[in-house]
PDB file of N, CA and C in Angstrom:
ATOM      1  N   MET A   1      85.555  89.412  16.966  1.00  0.00           N
ATOM      2  CA  MET A   1      84.981  88.733  17.740  1.00  0.00           C
ATOM      3  C   MET A   1      84.984  89.081  19.201  1.00  0.00           C
ATOM      4  N   THR A   2      83.746  89.156  19.790  1.00  0.00           N
ATOM      5  CA  THR A   2      83.629  89.644  21.243  1.00  0.00           C
ATOM      6  C   THR A   2      84.025  88.547  22.006  1.00  0.00           C
ATOM      7  N   LEU A   3      84.358  88.658  23.328  1.00  0.00           N
ATOM      8  CA  LEU A   3      84.668  87.477  24.252  1.00  0.00           C
ATOM      9  C   LEU A   3      83.421  86.824  24.539  1.00  0.00           C
ATOM     10  N   SER A   4      82.346  87.274  24.634  1.00  0.00           N
ATOM     11  CA  SER A   4      81.260  86.477  24.879  1.00  0.00           C
ATOM     12  C   SER A   4      80.796  85.576  23.630  1.00  0.00           C
ATOM     13  N   LYS A   5      81.019  86.112  22.411  1.00  0.00           N
ATOM     14  CA  LYS A   5      80.784  85.224  21.268  1.00  0.00           C
ATOM     15  C   LYS A   5      81.855  84.221  21.188  1.00  0.00           C
ATOM     16  N   ALA A   6      83.119  84.287  21.498  1.00  0.00           N
ATOM     17  CA  ALA A   6      84.059  83.198  21.524  1.00  0.00           C
ATOM     18  C   ALA A   6      83.697  82.204  22.706  1.00  0.00           C
ATOM     19  N   ALA A   7      83.048  82.851  23.746  1.00  0.00           N
ATOM     20  CA  ALA A   7      82.761  81.805  24.748  1.00  0.00           C
ATOM     21  C   ALA A   7      81.507  80.817  24.300  1.00  0.00           C
ATOM     22  N   VAL A   8      80.747  81.442  23.710  1.00  0.00           N
ATOM     23  CA  VAL A   8      79.152  80.612  23.079  1.00  0.00           C
ATOM     24  C   VAL A   8      80.013  79.618  22.073  1.00  0.00           C
ATOM     25  N   LEU A   9      80.943  80.005  21.114  1.00  0.00           N
ATOM     26  CA  LEU A   9      81.326  79.036  20.008  1.00  0.00           C
ATOM     27  C   LEU A   9      82.256  77.799  20.745  1.00  0.00           C
ATOM     28  N   LEU A  10      83.172  78.170  21.857  1.00  0.00           N
ATOM     29  CA  LEU A  10      83.789  77.149  22.490  1.00  0.00           C
ATOM     30  C   LEU A  10      82.995  76.208  23.234  1.00  0.00           C
ATOM     31  N   LYS A  11      81.956  76.671  23.907  1.00  0.00           N
ATOM     32  CA  LYS A  11      80.950  76.046  24.694  1.00  0.00           C
ATOM     33  C   LYS A  11      80.545  74.863  23.747  1.00  0.00           C
ATOM     34  N   ALA A  12      80.027  75.568  22.721  1.00  0.00           N
ATOM     35  CA  ALA A  12      79.100  74.678  21.857  1.00  0.00           C
ATOM     36  C   ALA A  12      80.000  73.551  21.201  1.00  0.00           C
ATOM     37  N   ILE A  13      81.166  73.742  21.128  1.00  0.00           N
ATOM     38  CA  ILE A  13      82.070  72.373  20.490  1.00  0.00           C
ATOM     39  C   ILE A  13      82.920  71.849  21.704  1.00  0.00           C
ATOM     40  N   ALA A  14      82.584  72.115  22.859  1.00  0.00           N
ATOM     41  CA  ALA A  14      83.256  71.465  24.086  1.00  0.00           C
ATOM     42  C   ALA A  14      82.312  70.193  24.475  1.00  0.00           C
ATOM     43  N   ASN A  15      82.156  69.355  23.561  1.00  0.00           N
ATOM     44  CA  ASN A  15      81.274  68.298  23.710  1.00  0.00           C
ATOM     45  C   ASN A  15      81.881  67.123  22.684  1.00  0.00           C
ATOM     46  N   ILE A  16      82.042  66.213  23.256  1.00  0.00           N
ATOM     47  CA  ILE A  16      82.713  64.973  22.220  1.00  0.00           C
ATOM     48  C   ILE A  16      81.967  64.656  20.991  1.00  0.00           C
ATOM     49  N   LYS A  17      80.493  64.675  21.217  1.00  0.00           N
ATOM     50  CA  LYS A  17      79.614  64.397  20.327  1.00  0.00           C
ATOM     51  C   LYS A  17      79.387  65.339  19.214  1.00  0.00           C
ATOM     52  N   ARG A  18      79.121  66.653  19.663  1.00  0.00           N
ATOM     53  CA  ARG A  18      79.388  67.774  18.886  1.00  0.00           C
ATOM     54  C   ARG A  18      80.650  67.810  18.123  1.00  0.00           C
ATOM     55  N   LEU A  19      81.746  67.790  18.548  1.00  0.00           N
ATOM     56  CA  LEU A  19      82.649  67.729  17.615  1.00  0.00           C
ATOM     57  C   LEU A  19      82.632  66.407  16.610  1.00  0.00           C
ATOM     58  N   GLU A  20      82.253  65.343  16.981  1.00  0.00           N
ATOM     59  CA  GLU A  20      82.226  64.395  15.973  1.00  0.00           C
ATOM     60  C   GLU A  20      81.160  64.750  14.812  1.00  0.00           C
ATOM     61  N   ILE A  21      80.070  65.358  15.225  1.00  0.00           N
ATOM     62  CA  ILE A  21      79.336  65.840  14.218  1.00  0.00           C
ATOM     63  C   ILE A  21      79.766  66.944  13.295  1.00  0.00           C
ATOM     64  N   LEU A  22      80.618  67.766  13.855  1.00  0.00           N
ATOM     65  CA  LEU A  22      81.463  68.767  13.084  1.00  0.00           C
ATOM     66  C   LEU A  22      82.466  68.198  12.220  1.00  0.00           C
ATOM     67  N   LEU A  23      83.133  67.116  12.741  1.00  0.00           N
ATOM     68  CA  LEU A  23      84.179  66.465  11.987  1.00  0.00           C
ATOM     69  C   LEU A  23      83.379  65.760  10.548  1.00  0.00           C
ATOM     70  N   TYR A  24      82.190  65.232  10.728  1.00  0.00           N
ATOM     71  CA  TYR A  24      81.635  64.730   9.694  1.00  0.00           C
ATOM     72  C   TYR A  24      81.211  65.792   8.446  1.00  0.00           C
ATOM     73  N   LEU A  25      80.611  67.015   9.275  1.00  0.00           N
ATOM     74  CA  LEU A  25      80.018  68.046   8.442  1.00  0.00           C
ATOM     75  C   LEU A  25      81.126  68.697   7.868  1.00  0.00           C
ATOM     76  N   SER A  26      82.539  68.822   8.412  1.00  0.00           N
ATOM     77  CA  SER A  26      83.723  69.269   7.857  1.00  0.00           C
ATOM     78  C   SER A  26      84.044  68.815   6.610  1.00  0.00           C
ATOM     79  N   HIS A  27      83.401  67.589   6.061  1.00  0.00           N
ATOM     80  CA  HIS A  27      83.725  66.865   4.779  1.00  0.00           C
ATOM     81  C   HIS A  27      82.609  66.961   3.870  1.00  0.00           C
ATOM     82  N   ASP A  28      81.494  67.175   4.207  1.00  0.00           N
ATOM     83  CA  ASP A  28      80.143  67.308   3.441  1.00  0.00           C
ATOM     84  C   ASP A  28      79.197  67.687   4.031  1.00  0.00           C
ATOM     85  N   GLU A  29      78.164  68.109   3.404  1.00  0.00           N
ATOM     86  CA  GLU A  29      76.850  68.471   3.894  1.00  0.00           C
ATOM     87  C   GLU A  29      75.948  67.038   4.011  1.00  0.00           C
ATOM     88  N   LEU A  30      75.314  66.923   5.085  1.00  0.00           N
ATOM     89  CA  LEU A  30      74.783  65.797   5.582  1.00  0.00           C
ATOM     90  C   LEU A  30      73.267  66.040   6.097  1.00  0.00           C
ATOM     91  N   SER A  31      72.322  64.975   5.705  1.00  0.00           N
ATOM     92  CA  SER A  31      70.934  65.007   6.139  1.00  0.00           C
ATOM     93  C   SER A  31      71.063  64.569   7.741  1.00  0.00           C
ATOM     94  N   VAL A  32      69.894  64.703   8.294  1.00  0.00           N
ATOM     95  CA  VAL A  32      69.866  64.367   9.788  1.00  0.00           C
ATOM     96  C   VAL A  32      69.961  62.782   9.715  1.00  0.00           C
ATOM     97  N   GLY A  33      69.214  62.213   8.900  1.00  0.00           N
ATOM     98  CA  GLY A  33      69.211  60.743   8.639  1.00  0.00           C
ATOM     99  C   GLY A  33      70.571  60.171   8.524  1.00  0.00           C
ATOM    100  N   ASP A  34      71.463  60.897   7.751  1.00  0.00           N
ATOM    101  CA  ASP A  34      72.976  60.470   7.465  1.00  0.00           C
ATOM    102  C   ASP A  34      73.645  60.633   8.635  1.00  0.00           C
ATOM    103  N   LEU A  35      73.272  61.543   9.330  1.00  0.00           N
ATOM    104  CA  LEU A  35      74.171  61.878  10.772  1.00  0.00           C
ATOM    105  C   LEU A  35      73.712  60.698  11.723  1.00  0.00           C
ATOM    106  N   GLU A  36      72.450  60.326  11.906  1.00  0.00           N
ATOM    107  CA  GLU A  36      71.869  59.336  12.733  1.00  0.00           C
ATOM    108  C   GLU A  36      72.603  58.003  12.314  1.00  0.00           C
ATOM    109  N   GLN A  37      72.812  57.688  11.104  1.00  0.00           N
ATOM    110  CA  GLN A  37      73.388  56.443  10.867  1.00  0.00           C
ATOM    111  C   GLN A  37      74.812  56.559  11.245  1.00  0.00           C
ATOM    112  N   LYS A  38      75.689  57.488  11.178  1.00  0.00           N
ATOM    113  CA  LYS A  38      77.183  57.764  11.388  1.00  0.00           C
ATOM    114  C   LYS A  38      77.359  57.743  12.815  1.00  0.00           C
ATOM    115  N   LEU A  39      76.389  58.245  13.793  1.00  0.00           N
ATOM    116  CA  LEU A  39      76.564  58.597  15.128  1.00  0.00           C
ATOM    117  C   LEU A  39      75.745  57.489  15.951  1.00  0.00           C
ATOM    118  N   ASP A  40      76.441  57.238  17.187  1.00  0.00           N
ATOM    119  CA  ASP A  40      75.529  56.505  18.081  1.00  0.00           C
ATOM    120  C   ASP A  40      74.721  57.413  19.068  1.00  0.00           C
ATOM    121  N   LEU A  41      73.697  58.004  18.488  1.00  0.00           N
ATOM    122  CA  LEU A  41      72.734  58.905  19.242  1.00  0.00           C
ATOM    123  C   LEU A  41      71.415  58.682  18.980  1.00  0.00           C
ATOM    124  N   THR A  42      70.668  58.855  19.837  1.00  0.00           N
ATOM    125  CA  THR A  42      69.131  58.712  19.538  1.00  0.00           C
ATOM    126  C   THR A  42      68.746  60.086  18.651  1.00  0.00           C
ATOM    127  N   GLN A  43      67.690  59.987  17.942  1.00  0.00           N
ATOM    128  CA  GLN A  43      67.178  61.012  17.259  1.00  0.00           C
ATOM    129  C   GLN A  43      66.905  62.152  18.058  1.00  0.00           C
ATOM    130  N   SER A  44      66.490  62.169  19.338  1.00  0.00           N
ATOM    131  CA  SER A  44      66.420  63.331  20.148  1.00  0.00           C
ATOM    132  C   SER A  44      67.712  64.084  20.732  1.00  0.00           C
ATOM    133  N   ALA A  45      68.729  63.062  21.077  1.00  0.00           N
ATOM    134  CA  ALA A  45      69.852  63.746  21.445  1.00  0.00           C
ATOM    135  C   ALA A  45      70.658  64.310  20.261  1.00  0.00           C
ATOM    136  N   LEU A  46      70.639  63.915  19.124  1.00  0.00           N
ATOM    137  CA  LEU A  46      71.072  64.528  17.891  1.00  0.00           C
ATOM    138  C   LEU A  46      70.450  65.814  17.700  1.00  0.00           C
ATOM    139  N   SER A  47      69.183  65.846  17.635  1.00  0.00           N
ATOM    140  CA  SER A  47      68.467  67.208  17.556  1.00  0.00           C
ATOM    141  C   SER A  47      68.893  68.122  18.591  1.00  0.00           C
ATOM    142  N   GLN A  48      69.032  67.859  19.716  1.00  0.00           N
ATOM    143  CA  GLN A  48      69.544  68.528  20.845  1.00  0.00           C
ATOM    144  C   GLN A  48      71.038  69.258  20.511  1.00  0.00           C
ATOM    145  N   HIS A  49      71.812  68.373  20.083  1.00  0.00           N
ATOM    146  CA  HIS A  49      73.355  68.795  19.706  1.00  0.00           C
ATOM    147  C   HIS A  49      73.263  69.664  18.519  1.00  0.00           C
ATOM    148  N   LEU A  50      72.404  69.326  17.496  1.00  0.00           N
ATOM    149  CA  LEU A  50      72.325  70.095  16.225  1.00  0.00           C
ATOM    150  C   LEU A  50      71.896  71.551  16.548  1.00  0.00           C
ATOM    151  N   ALA A  51      70.649  71.626  17.701  1.00  0.00           N
ATOM    152  CA  ALA A  51      70.212  72.856  17.955  1.00  0.00           C
ATOM    153  C   ALA A  51      71.379  73.590  18.563  1.00  0.00           C
ATOM    154  N   VAL A  52      72.255  73.197  19.437  1.00  0.00           N
ATOM    155  CA  VAL A  52      73.228  73.800  19.888  1.00  0.00           C
ATOM    156  C   VAL A  52      74.132  74.489  18.951  1.00  0.00           C
ATOM    157  N   LEU A  53      74.391  73.718  17.947  1.00  0.00           N
ATOM    158  CA  LEU A  53      75.392  74.274  16.939  1.00  0.00           C
ATOM    159  C   LEU A  53      74.746  75.172  16.125  1.00  0.00           C
ATOM    160  N   ARG A  54      73.187  75.192  15.865  1.00  0.00           N
ATOM    161  CA  ARG A  54      72.441  76.071  15.046  1.00  0.00           C
ATOM    162  C   ARG A  54      72.603  77.405  15.923  1.00  0.00           C
ATOM    163  N   GLU A  55      72.184  77.513  17.012  1.00  0.00           N
ATOM    164  CA  GLU A  55      72.138  78.520  17.939  1.00  0.00           C
ATOM    165  C   GLU A  55      73.365  79.283  18.045  1.00  0.00           C
ATOM    166  N   ALA A  56      74.602  78.544  17.796  1.00  0.00           N
ATOM    167  CA  ALA A  56      76.093  79.230  18.095  1.00  0.00           C
ATOM    168  C   ALA A  56      76.391  79.636  16.659  1.00  0.00           C
ATOM    169  N   GLU A  57      75.456  79.517  15.650  1.00  0.00           N
ATOM    170  CA  GLU A  57      75.835  79.885  14.375  1.00  0.00           C
ATOM    171  C   GLU A  57      77.046  79.196  13.571  1.00  0.00           C
ATOM    172  N   ILE A  58      77.095  77.870  14.115  1.00  0.00           N
ATOM    173  CA  ILE A  58      78.421  77.114  13.608  1.00  0.00           C
ATOM    174  C   ILE A  58      77.865  76.298  12.374  1.00  0.00           C
ATOM    175  N   VAL A  59      76.749  75.711  12.276  1.00  0.00           N
ATOM    176  CA  VAL A  59      76.133  75.099  11.268  1.00  0.00           C
ATOM    177  C   VAL A  59      75.017  75.854  10.534  1.00  0.00           C
ATOM    178  N   GLN A  60      74.657  75.483   9.306  1.00  0.00           N
ATOM    179  CA  GLN A  60      73.538  76.115   8.699  1.00  0.00           C
ATOM    180  C   GLN A  60      72.729  74.828   8.219  1.00  0.00           C
ATOM    181  N   THR A  61      71.388  75.108   7.865  1.00  0.00           N
ATOM    182  CA  THR A  61      70.458  74.193   7.324  1.00  0.00           C
ATOM    183  C   THR A  61      69.897  74.481   6.095  1.00  0.00           C
ATOM    184  N   ARG A  62      69.410  73.447   5.461  1.00  0.00           N
ATOM    185  CA  ARG A  62      68.878  73.527   4.092  1.00  0.00           C
ATOM    186  C   ARG A  62      67.691  72.476   4.070  1.00  0.00           C
ATOM    187  N   ARG A  63      66.566  72.726   3.717  1.00  0.00           N
ATOM    188  CA  ARG A  63      65.446  72.003   3.668  1.00  0.00           C
ATOM    189  C   ARG A  63      65.393  71.421   2.036  1.00  0.00           C
ATOM    190  N   TYR A  64      65.267  70.260   1.902  1.00  0.00           N
ATOM    191  CA  TYR A  64      64.950  69.709   0.583  1.00  0.00           C
ATOM    192  C   TYR A  64      63.910  68.615   0.887  1.00  0.00           C
ATOM    193  N   ARG A  65      62.839  68.908   0.116  1.00  0.00           N
ATOM    194  CA  ARG A  65      61.494  68.210   0.379  1.00  0.00           C
ATOM    195  C   ARG A  65      61.374  67.652   1.794  1.00  0.00           C
ATOM    196  N   GLN A  66      61.505  66.415   2.256  1.00  0.00           N
ATOM    197  CA  GLN A  66      61.131  65.978   3.666  1.00  0.00           C
ATOM    198  C   GLN A  66      62.501  66.005   4.600  1.00  0.00           C
ATOM    199  N   LYS A  67      63.607  66.415   4.024  1.00  0.00           N
ATOM    200  CA  LYS A  67      64.836  66.252   4.612  1.00  0.00           C
ATOM    201  C   LYS A  67      65.602  67.636   4.991  1.00  0.00           C
ATOM    202  N   ILE A  68      66.202  67.647   5.954  1.00  0.00           N
ATOM    203  CA  ILE A  68      66.955  68.681   6.419  1.00  0.00           C
ATOM    204  C   ILE A  68      68.440  68.331   6.462  1.00  0.00           C
ATOM    205  N   PHE A  69      69.315  69.192   5.547  1.00  0.00           N
ATOM    206  CA  PHE A  69      70.516  69.154   5.417  1.00  0.00           C
ATOM    207  C   PHE A  69      71.299  69.918   6.403  1.00  0.00           C
ATOM    208  N   TYR A  70      72.314  69.498   6.871  1.00  0.00           N
ATOM    209  CA  TYR A  70      73.436  70.563   7.643  1.00  0.00           C
ATOM    210  C   TYR A  70      74.546  70.459   7.176  1.00  0.00           C
ATOM    211  N   ARG A  71      75.347  71.818   7.015  1.00  0.00           N
ATOM    212  CA  ARG A  71      76.484  72.087   6.648  1.00  0.00           C
ATOM    213  C   ARG A  71      77.431  73.046   7.631  1.00  0.00           C
ATOM    214  N   LEU A  72      78.639  72.806   7.753  1.00  0.00           N
ATOM    215  CA  LEU A  72      79.445  73.514   8.591  1.00  0.00           C
ATOM    216  C   LEU A  72      79.625  74.907   7.844  1.00  0.00           C
ATOM    217  N   GLU A  73      79.378  75.979   8.528  1.00  0.00           N
ATOM    218  CA  GLU A  73      79.324  77.258   7.854  1.00  0.00           C
ATOM    219  C   GLU A  73      80.504  78.120   8.538  1.00  0.00           C
ATOM    220  N   ASN A  74      80.882  78.010   9.732  1.00  0.00           N
ATOM    221  CA  ASN A  74      81.565  78.848  10.287  1.00  0.00           C
ATOM    222  C   ASN A  74      83.141  78.672  10.057  1.00  0.00           C
ATOM    223  N   PRO A  75      83.792  79.682   9.307  1.00  0.00           N
ATOM    224  CA  PRO A  75      85.301  79.300   8.971  1.00  0.00           C
ATOM    225  C   PRO A  75      86.094  79.265  10.202  1.00  0.00           C
ATOM    226  N   LEU A  76      85.881  79.768  11.312  1.00  0.00           N
ATOM    227  CA  LEU A  76      86.622  79.945  12.497  1.00  0.00           C
ATOM    228  C   LEU A  76      86.643  78.300  12.850  1.00  0.00           C
ATOM    229  N   ILE A  77      85.625  77.710  13.046  1.00  0.00           N
ATOM    230  CA  ILE A  77      85.377  76.410  13.593  1.00  0.00           C
ATOM    231  C   ILE A  77      86.023  75.435  12.539  1.00  0.00           C
ATOM    232  N   LYS A  78      86.127  75.500  11.416  1.00  0.00           N
ATOM    233  CA  LYS A  78      86.733  74.859  10.143  1.00  0.00           C
ATOM    234  C   LYS A  78      88.279  75.014  10.556  1.00  0.00           C
ATOM    235  N   LYS A  79      88.833  76.263  10.901  1.00  0.00           N
ATOM    236  CA  LYS A  79      90.313  76.313  11.291  1.00  0.00           C
ATOM    237  C   LYS A  79      90.454  75.378  12.541  1.00  0.00           C
ATOM    238  N   ILE A  80      89.674  75.644  13.606  1.00  0.00           N
ATOM    239  CA  ILE A  80      89.898  74.781  14.811  1.00  0.00           C
ATOM    240  C   ILE A  80      89.921  73.254  14.442  1.00  0.00           C
ATOM    241  N   LEU A  81      89.025  72.842  13.795  1.00  0.00           N
ATOM    242  CA  LEU A  81      89.055  71.489  13.522  1.00  0.00           C
ATOM    243  C   LEU A  81      90.011  71.093  12.876  1.00  0.00           C
ATOM    244  N   LYS A  82      90.710  71.738  11.823  1.00  0.00           N
ATOM    245  CA  LYS A  82      91.964  71.357  11.039  1.00  0.00           C
ATOM    246  C   LYS A  82      93.058  71.352  12.120  1.00  0.00           C
ATOM    247  N   LEU A  83      93.212  72.222  13.090  1.00  0.00           N
ATOM    248  CA  LEU A  83      94.215  72.095  14.076  1.00  0.00           C
ATOM    249  C   LEU A  83      94.135  70.923  15.134  1.00  0.00           C
ATOM    250  N   LEU A  84      92.736  70.652  15.449  1.00  0.00           N
ATOM    251  CA  LEU A  84      92.648  69.625  16.265  1.00  0.00           C
ATOM    252  C   LEU A  84      92.746  68.283  15.584  1.00  0.00           C
ATOM    253  N   THR A  85      92.781  68.057  14.322  1.00  0.00           N
ATOM    254  CA  THR A  85      92.918  66.884  13.697  1.00  0.00           C
ATOM    255  C   THR A  85      94.030  66.828  12.928  1.00  0.00           C
ATOM    256  N   LYS A  86      95.130  67.793  13.208  1.00  0.00           N
ATOM    257  CA  LYS A  86      96.579  67.806  12.559  1.00  0.00           C
ATOM    258  C   LYS A  86      97.386  66.701  13.344  1.00  0.00           C
ATOM    259  N   ASP A  87      98.225  65.951  12.489  1.00  0.00           N
ATOM    260  CA  ASP A  87      98.840  65.008  13.247  1.00  0.00           C
ATOM    261  C   ASP A  87     100.307  65.524  13.580  1.00  0.00           C
TER     262      ASP A  87
END
């Protein structure tokens, strides 16, 4: 991994709301509606956070009918989340 790619990843997760999104996605694939219910964010703010995570290639999407589902796809971020949540 290049330093610039590492900087992009770290910048993308350096936000408490994005970390919260990633913690939810580390357990299961969730729709945008599911994430809205779990987080105290407007739809606009949630969409912006998800765009940052998509652009950094941390999450992947899947469309099913009218819903978009997100899943945590980056193995390095999964490891970082485990370290951050370790007691």
